[in-house]
Each structure stands twice: as structure tokens, then as C-alpha cells.
């Protein structure tokens, strides 16, 4: 099983001021269902960037927003992509809050089944609380700017599938802060099973082109300009390892699970959630062969792989 343990009480989310009026909400340790979010306090309203997987975690986030900007309405909520760790808490926002996302994210939220009954691949199954499905009110295809005197926020789609088909980044050009969603992971194994390995690789140069001073990844610690090149290079090396392993596995007639077992993770072995190599290989196999991505089989194989890792550590 893949662990979905809630963070310990002393490891709850923390609001980090990364620029005046700009906050990253970082949840330790960034593993499954434990995402980052953020918020921007403008002259007369707040913009929230993503929610969290559960009612409790989202209410913690909203409490931090209220402490930073008491009484200021949350006018907009931006979802960086469809996954439930970034969207399940949408329903806890007032109906007056406009939810914005890519059109593919809206489609994904409307067809999400995990929020209704999480498959028993996670143990324990996350306690969602009272969250319900809430899809975006406003969708975009390429770009949109949220205007304010103090904190204009640009929303951009990379132009191709990457982590998902509907990824958005939130870019504050005046503060030079970029919210990357799950286009970037920091100290956590990247995941692209619902996107594209090639697209994820291409998105890295795109992120670098903004020359941000601070980047809030979808999971893991905030990244500053000095550390960003190394984080991007680590992603590049990991994605290329997945692609090379898939190519060799297909050549040798191996399944994605068998290919994962032949793969030496090397410098990536110590990243959280190493079993994601299996999910990423399933994606690479599907993209190469043109066969449909088999989500149930991919997670079954990831569980089997993870069990093997735990056995070797005992």
C-alpha cells in the first residue's frame, strides 16, 4: 500500500512570506496528498492558489489567510491542475469566490471519482472531511491576467501536457514569484502519470524563462533563484532516466514493473515516493506504444514495487 499518513501535529502547514503580500503555504513533507498552496494579498482582496486534499488541511490554510489579511475577501481561487490534493478543498470557499483553472482541469474535476470513494491503494484512506466536488467557474486555454494595482497575477498554460493536460502556473512579474503547481517537486519524486514525460521536460526550460526569484513548487520546500537551476537539472535527469528505462524495457520485452526493478535510481533513490518510477514508466510506455494508460494496473504495480522496497529495508 502507498502511505497516506496525515502530517504529525508539529508538521502542519506553514505560511511563508516570499515577497510583500505573497505567501507560500508549505505542508511537510510533501508526500502523497500533502501539497503546497499559496495566497496573494492585494489592495482590497486575496487570491488563493490551490486548496488542499482534506477539510482539516484546507481550513488550516484558510486560517492562515485570515491571519495575514483579516476580513479581506478571497475574490479568486486558482487551481494549478486537477488533482485532489490541490482541489478537493475548493468547496470550502464562499460561493462569491470565483474558481479559475484550465478547461482540462474543469473536465477532470467533474469526472473525478476519488473524492467520492478513494481506492484502497492508500492506507489509511485519507479522511476528506466534508469536502465536495467544486469545479472551476471560469476556464482558460492559454493565459489570463488578474489585474490589481499592487499584485498583477499572470496565469499561463505551457501549451502542452506536462504534469497533466491542464497545468497552470501563477506568475507575479512585479514580485518575481512563480507558483509552479506540480510542474515542479522539491525533494520529492516527480510524477507525470497523467501527463507527458516529453512535455514535463519541455516545461522546465519554460519555467526557467520567467527568471523567478522565488518558486513555490507543488510539493516540497520553496525554491529560490540560486537553487532553481539545480532543481530543474534534477528534474531533467530524472525524466531522462525514466525515458531511457522505458526504451530499454520495451526493447527487452519487460513490463513497466519489471523495467522499474532493473532501474538504478541512483541520486533519486533518497527522494520521497520512489515508487512513482513505476507510474512514470507506465506513462512512458503508453506514450511510446500508443496503448491506453492503464491506471489501475499502474497503481497495482507501484504498490508491488513499494512492497519490495520496504522488504529490502527491513
Protein backbone atom coordinates (compact mmCIF):
# COMPACT_ATOMS: atom_id res chain seq x y z
CA UNK A 1 0.00 0.00 0.00
CA UNK A 2 1.02 3.60 -0.54
CA UNK A 3 1.07 5.57 2.68
CA UNK A 4 -1.34 8.45 3.10
CA UNK A 5 -0.49 9.26 6.70
CA UNK A 6 -1.50 12.73 7.79
CA UNK A 7 1.34 15.01 8.86
CA UNK A 8 2.15 14.96 12.54
CA UNK A 9 0.64 17.87 14.52
CA UNK A 10 4.03 19.58 14.69
CA UNK A 11 4.45 19.24 10.92
CA UNK A 12 1.29 21.06 9.82
CA UNK A 13 1.24 23.62 7.04
CA UNK A 14 3.13 26.87 7.45
CA UNK A 15 2.67 30.20 5.68
CA UNK A 16 5.95 31.61 4.35
CA UNK A 17 6.10 35.24 3.19
CA UNK A 18 8.18 35.05 -0.01
CA UNK A 19 7.54 38.67 -1.04
CA UNK A 20 5.40 41.52 0.31
CA UNK A 21 1.82 40.26 0.26
CA UNK A 22 2.81 36.90 -1.30
CA UNK A 23 2.68 33.73 0.78
CA UNK A 24 3.55 30.10 0.17
CA UNK A 25 1.59 27.54 2.16
CA UNK A 26 4.00 24.62 2.60
CA UNK A 27 2.90 21.31 4.09
CA UNK A 28 5.51 18.91 5.41
CA UNK A 29 6.69 16.55 3.97
CA UNK A 30 5.17 16.93 0.53
CA UNK A 31 4.36 13.24 0.02
CA UNK A 32 1.09 11.79 -1.34
CA UNK A 33 -1.87 14.15 -0.78
CA UNK A 34 0.32 16.67 1.11
CA UNK A 35 0.59 19.62 -1.27
CA UNK A 36 1.67 23.22 -1.28
CA UNK A 37 -0.68 26.12 -1.95
CA UNK A 38 -0.38 29.89 -1.60
CA UNK A 39 -2.14 33.22 -1.48
CA UNK A 40 -1.62 36.79 -2.60
CA UNK A 41 -2.96 39.75 -0.60
CA UNK A 42 -3.72 42.70 -2.87
CA UNK A 43 -5.09 46.15 -2.05
CA UNK A 44 -8.67 45.02 -1.45
CA UNK A 45 -8.88 41.25 -1.94
CA UNK A 46 -6.98 37.99 -1.72
CA UNK A 47 -6.18 35.47 -4.45
CA UNK A 48 -5.84 31.87 -3.28
CA UNK A 49 -3.68 29.48 -5.31
CA UNK A 50 -4.90 25.91 -4.80
CA UNK A 51 -6.60 24.34 -1.82
CA UNK A 52 -5.75 21.06 -0.06
CA UNK A 53 -6.89 17.46 -0.07
CA UNK A 54 -8.95 17.44 3.12
CA UNK A 55 -11.27 19.68 5.07
CA UNK A 56 -8.85 19.98 8.01
CA UNK A 57 -5.87 20.92 5.88
CA UNK A 58 -7.85 23.41 3.82
CA UNK A 59 -9.28 25.03 6.96
CA UNK A 60 -5.73 25.39 8.28
CA UNK A 61 -4.82 27.15 5.04
CA UNK A 62 -7.85 29.43 5.21
CA UNK A 63 -6.98 30.25 8.82
CA UNK A 64 -3.54 31.39 7.70
CA UNK A 65 -5.12 33.56 5.00
CA UNK A 66 -7.39 35.19 7.58
CA UNK A 67 -4.49 35.87 9.93
CA UNK A 68 -2.48 37.50 7.14
CA UNK A 69 -5.39 39.58 5.82
CA UNK A 70 -8.21 39.73 8.38
CA UNK A 71 -11.59 40.32 6.82
CA UNK A 72 -10.23 40.56 3.27
CA UNK A 73 -12.43 38.61 0.83
CA UNK A 74 -10.95 35.79 -1.24
CA UNK A 75 -12.07 37.03 -4.64
CA UNK A 76 -10.36 34.38 -6.76
CA UNK A 77 -9.14 30.82 -6.32
CA UNK A 78 -6.74 29.46 -8.96
CA UNK A 79 -6.35 25.70 -9.38
CA UNK A 80 -2.99 24.83 -10.91
CA UNK A 81 -4.27 21.40 -12.05
CA UNK A 82 -6.99 18.85 -11.38
CA UNK A 83 -5.51 16.58 -8.70
CA UNK A 84 -7.48 16.34 -5.48
CA UNK A 85 -4.66 17.39 -3.19
CA UNK A 86 -4.89 20.80 -4.87
CA UNK A 87 -8.66 20.97 -5.48
CA UNK A 88 -10.76 18.96 -3.01
CA UNK A 89 -10.90 21.93 -0.64
CA UNK A 90 -12.48 24.18 -3.31
CA UNK A 91 -15.93 23.57 -1.83
CA UNK A 92 -14.96 25.24 1.45
CA UNK A 93 -14.61 28.65 -0.23
CA UNK A 94 -17.57 31.06 -0.31
CA UNK A 95 -19.75 30.92 -3.42
CA UNK A 96 -18.67 34.52 -4.08
CA UNK A 97 -15.12 33.26 -4.74
CA UNK A 98 -14.54 32.72 -8.46
CA UNK A 99 -12.65 29.48 -9.12
CA UNK A 100 -10.31 29.68 -12.13
CA UNK A 101 -8.48 26.86 -13.91
CA UNK A 102 -7.59 25.46 -17.31
CA UNK A 103 -10.52 23.94 -19.19
CA UNK A 104 -8.97 20.46 -18.91
CA UNK A 105 -8.85 20.88 -15.13
CA UNK A 106 -12.56 21.62 -15.00
CA UNK A 107 -13.27 18.49 -17.04
CA UNK A 108 -11.04 16.43 -14.75
CA UNK A 109 -12.67 17.67 -11.55
CA UNK A 110 -16.13 16.96 -12.90
CA UNK A 111 -15.16 13.35 -13.67
CA UNK A 112 -13.08 12.76 -10.52
CA UNK A 113 -14.13 9.63 -8.64
CA UNK A 114 -11.52 9.68 -5.89
CA UNK A 115 -13.36 12.34 -3.91
CA UNK A 116 -16.41 10.04 -3.77
CA UNK A 117 -14.56 6.93 -2.66
CA UNK A 118 -10.78 6.68 -2.55
CA UNK A 119 -9.45 3.38 -3.96
CA UNK A 120 -7.89 1.29 -1.17
CA UNK A 121 -4.39 1.72 -2.58
CA UNK A 122 -3.71 4.30 0.12
CA UNK A 123 -3.57 3.14 3.71
CA UNK A 124 -5.08 4.62 5.67
CA UNK A 125 -7.58 6.12 3.24
CA UNK A 126 -7.43 9.91 3.64
CA UNK A 127 -10.13 11.45 5.81
CA UNK A 128 -11.50 14.01 3.38
CA UNK A 129 -13.96 15.55 5.87
CA UNK A 130 -16.90 17.48 4.40
CA UNK A 131 -15.30 18.45 1.07
CA UNK A 132 -17.40 18.00 -2.05
CA UNK A 133 -16.70 18.38 -5.75
CA UNK A 134 -16.48 22.01 -6.89
CA UNK A 135 -15.39 22.67 -10.45
CA UNK A 136 -13.99 25.98 -11.75
CA UNK A 137 -16.38 28.78 -12.66
CA UNK A 138 -14.01 30.33 -15.19
CA UNK A 139 -11.70 28.37 -17.51
CA UNK A 140 -8.85 29.40 -19.77
CA UNK A 141 -6.86 27.76 -22.56
CA UNK A 142 -3.62 29.72 -22.75
CA UNK A 143 -3.33 32.76 -20.46
CA UNK A 144 -5.22 35.19 -18.25
CA UNK A 145 -4.18 38.16 -16.11
CA UNK A 146 -5.78 39.04 -12.77
CA UNK A 147 -5.26 42.78 -12.52
CA UNK A 148 -4.65 44.76 -9.34
CA UNK A 149 -2.59 47.85 -8.59
CA UNK A 150 -0.18 46.05 -6.28
CA UNK A 151 -0.04 42.42 -7.42
CA UNK A 152 -0.99 41.63 -11.02
CA UNK A 153 -1.02 37.85 -11.44
CA UNK A 154 -0.49 36.17 -14.81
CA UNK A 155 -1.81 32.65 -15.33
CA UNK A 156 -0.10 30.66 -18.07
CA UNK A 157 -0.52 27.18 -19.58
CA UNK A 158 2.70 25.66 -21.00
CA UNK A 159 0.94 24.87 -24.27
CA UNK A 160 1.16 21.09 -23.99
CA UNK A 161 0.53 18.28 -21.49
CA UNK A 162 3.18 18.07 -18.76
CA UNK A 163 2.19 17.02 -15.24
CA UNK A 164 -1.40 16.96 -16.56
CA UNK A 165 -3.13 18.33 -19.63
CA UNK A 166 -4.35 21.40 -17.74
CA UNK A 167 -1.36 22.74 -15.82
CA UNK A 168 -1.25 26.43 -14.95
CA UNK A 169 1.48 28.49 -13.35
CA UNK A 170 0.73 31.70 -11.46
CA UNK A 171 3.36 34.35 -12.17
CA UNK A 172 3.72 37.64 -10.32
CA UNK A 173 6.05 39.68 -12.56
CA UNK A 174 6.47 42.61 -10.16
CA UNK A 175 7.34 40.39 -7.18
CA UNK A 176 9.06 37.76 -9.42
CA UNK A 177 7.33 34.89 -7.65
CA UNK A 178 6.16 31.83 -9.58
CA UNK A 179 3.70 29.24 -8.29
CA UNK A 180 4.57 26.15 -10.33
CA UNK A 181 1.96 23.67 -9.18
CA UNK A 182 3.12 20.12 -9.81
CA UNK A 183 5.31 21.09 -12.74
CA UNK A 184 7.96 21.11 -10.02
CA UNK A 185 8.58 18.92 -6.98
CA UNK A 186 11.33 19.68 -4.45
CA UNK A 187 12.92 16.79 -2.55
CA UNK A 188 10.02 14.63 -3.71
CA UNK A 189 9.95 12.26 -6.71
CA UNK A 190 8.28 13.95 -9.70
CA UNK A 191 5.04 12.45 -11.01
CA UNK A 192 3.71 12.62 -14.58
CA UNK A 193 1.39 9.62 -14.88
CA UNK A 194 -1.49 11.83 -16.10
CA UNK A 195 0.66 13.98 -18.37
CA UNK A 196 3.67 13.57 -20.62
CA UNK A 197 7.36 12.91 -19.95
CA UNK A 198 8.37 14.89 -23.03
CA UNK A 199 6.04 17.71 -22.06
CA UNK A 200 7.30 17.74 -18.49
CA UNK A 201 10.85 18.06 -19.82
CA UNK A 202 9.88 20.93 -22.12
CA UNK A 203 8.14 22.75 -19.27
CA UNK A 204 11.41 23.08 -17.35
CA UNK A 205 13.02 25.50 -19.81
CA UNK A 206 9.71 27.35 -19.97
CA UNK A 207 9.72 27.83 -16.18
CA UNK A 208 13.34 28.98 -16.26
CA UNK A 209 12.48 31.58 -18.92
CA UNK A 210 10.49 33.59 -16.36
CA UNK A 211 13.69 34.08 -14.29
CA UNK A 212 11.80 33.97 -10.97
CA UNK A 213 13.38 34.95 -7.69
CA UNK A 214 11.21 32.50 -5.77
CA UNK A 215 9.34 29.40 -6.94
CA UNK A 216 6.65 27.64 -4.94
CA UNK A 217 6.62 24.01 -6.11
CA UNK A 218 3.57 21.79 -5.86
CA UNK A 219 5.28 19.74 -3.14
CA UNK A 220 8.35 20.40 -1.01
CA UNK A 221 10.24 23.50 0.17
CA UNK A 222 10.18 26.86 -1.59
CA UNK A 223 12.97 27.27 -4.17
CA UNK A 224 14.98 30.48 -4.53
CA UNK A 225 16.73 31.71 -7.67
CA UNK A 226 20.07 30.32 -6.55
CA UNK A 227 18.72 26.80 -6.06
CA UNK A 228 16.38 26.72 -9.06
CA UNK A 229 18.91 25.62 -11.74
CA UNK A 230 19.88 22.56 -9.68
CA UNK A 231 16.22 21.65 -9.09
CA UNK A 232 15.49 21.95 -12.81
CA UNK A 233 18.56 19.86 -13.66
CA UNK A 234 17.45 17.18 -11.21
CA UNK A 235 14.05 17.01 -12.90
CA UNK A 236 15.71 16.80 -16.33
CA UNK A 237 17.96 13.96 -15.22
CA UNK A 238 15.09 12.07 -13.61
CA UNK A 239 12.79 12.36 -16.63
CA UNK A 240 15.60 11.25 -18.94
CA UNK A 241 16.23 8.25 -16.69
CA UNK A 242 12.55 7.30 -16.94
CA UNK A 243 12.58 7.66 -20.73
CA UNK A 244 15.80 5.65 -21.10
CA UNK A 245 14.49 2.92 -18.78
CA UNK A 246 11.25 2.74 -20.77
CA UNK A 247 13.11 2.49 -24.05
CA UNK A 248 15.29 -0.34 -22.74
CA UNK A 249 12.33 -2.10 -21.16
CA UNK A 250 10.29 -2.02 -24.35
CA UNK A 251 13.29 -3.28 -26.32
CA UNK A 252 13.76 -6.18 -23.90
CA UNK A 253 10.07 -7.06 -23.64
CA UNK A 254 9.74 -6.02 -19.98
CA UNK A 255 6.64 -4.77 -18.26
CA UNK A 256 6.86 -1.33 -16.60
CA UNK A 257 7.19 -3.05 -13.20
CA UNK A 258 9.98 -5.29 -14.45
CA UNK A 259 11.72 -2.30 -16.03
CA UNK A 260 11.45 -0.38 -12.75
CA UNK A 261 13.14 -3.23 -10.93
CA UNK A 262 16.08 -3.12 -13.35
CA UNK A 263 16.45 0.65 -12.90
CA UNK A 264 19.05 2.02 -10.51
CA UNK A 265 17.56 5.23 -9.13
CA UNK A 266 21.00 6.43 -8.12
CA UNK A 267 20.79 10.05 -6.87
CA UNK A 268 16.98 9.85 -6.88
CA UNK A 269 16.76 6.87 -4.52
CA UNK A 270 16.50 9.09 -1.45
CA UNK A 271 13.66 11.23 -2.78
CA UNK A 272 10.26 10.67 -1.21
CA UNK A 273 7.90 8.29 -3.02
CA UNK A 274 10.40 6.33 -5.07
CA UNK A 275 7.58 4.02 -6.23
CA UNK A 276 6.50 6.75 -8.64
CA UNK A 277 9.10 5.39 -11.06
CA UNK A 278 6.54 2.69 -11.88
CA UNK A 279 3.72 5.13 -12.59
CA UNK A 280 6.02 7.29 -14.70
CA UNK A 281 7.17 4.23 -16.66
CA UNK A 282 3.57 3.24 -17.34
CA UNK A 283 3.09 6.73 -18.80
CA UNK A 284 6.25 6.47 -20.90
CA UNK A 285 5.20 3.04 -22.20
CA UNK A 286 1.73 4.32 -23.12
CA UNK A 287 3.12 7.37 -24.91
CA UNK A 288 5.64 5.27 -26.84
CA UNK A 289 3.32 2.43 -27.86
CA UNK A 290 0.11 4.39 -28.26
CA UNK A 291 -1.67 1.99 -25.92
CA UNK A 292 -4.11 3.45 -23.35
CA UNK A 293 -2.70 4.26 -19.93
CA UNK A 294 -3.91 1.56 -17.50
CA UNK A 295 -4.36 3.46 -14.22
CA UNK A 296 -5.45 0.50 -12.03
CA UNK A 297 -2.55 -1.64 -13.24
CA UNK A 298 -0.09 1.21 -12.81
CA UNK A 299 -1.04 1.67 -9.15
CA UNK A 300 -1.11 -2.07 -8.53
CA UNK A 301 2.44 -2.28 -9.89
CA UNK A 302 3.52 0.72 -7.81
CA UNK A 303 2.23 -0.99 -4.67
CA UNK A 304 4.10 -4.18 -5.58
CA UNK A 305 7.29 -2.21 -6.23
CA UNK A 306 6.89 -0.30 -2.97
CA UNK A 307 6.43 -3.55 -1.04
CA UNK A 308 9.72 -4.74 -2.46
CA UNK A 309 11.45 -1.55 -1.34
CA UNK A 310 10.09 -1.95 2.19
CA UNK A 311 11.21 -5.60 2.26
CA UNK A 312 14.78 -4.68 1.34
CA UNK A 313 14.85 -2.03 4.07
CA UNK A 314 13.85 -4.43 6.84
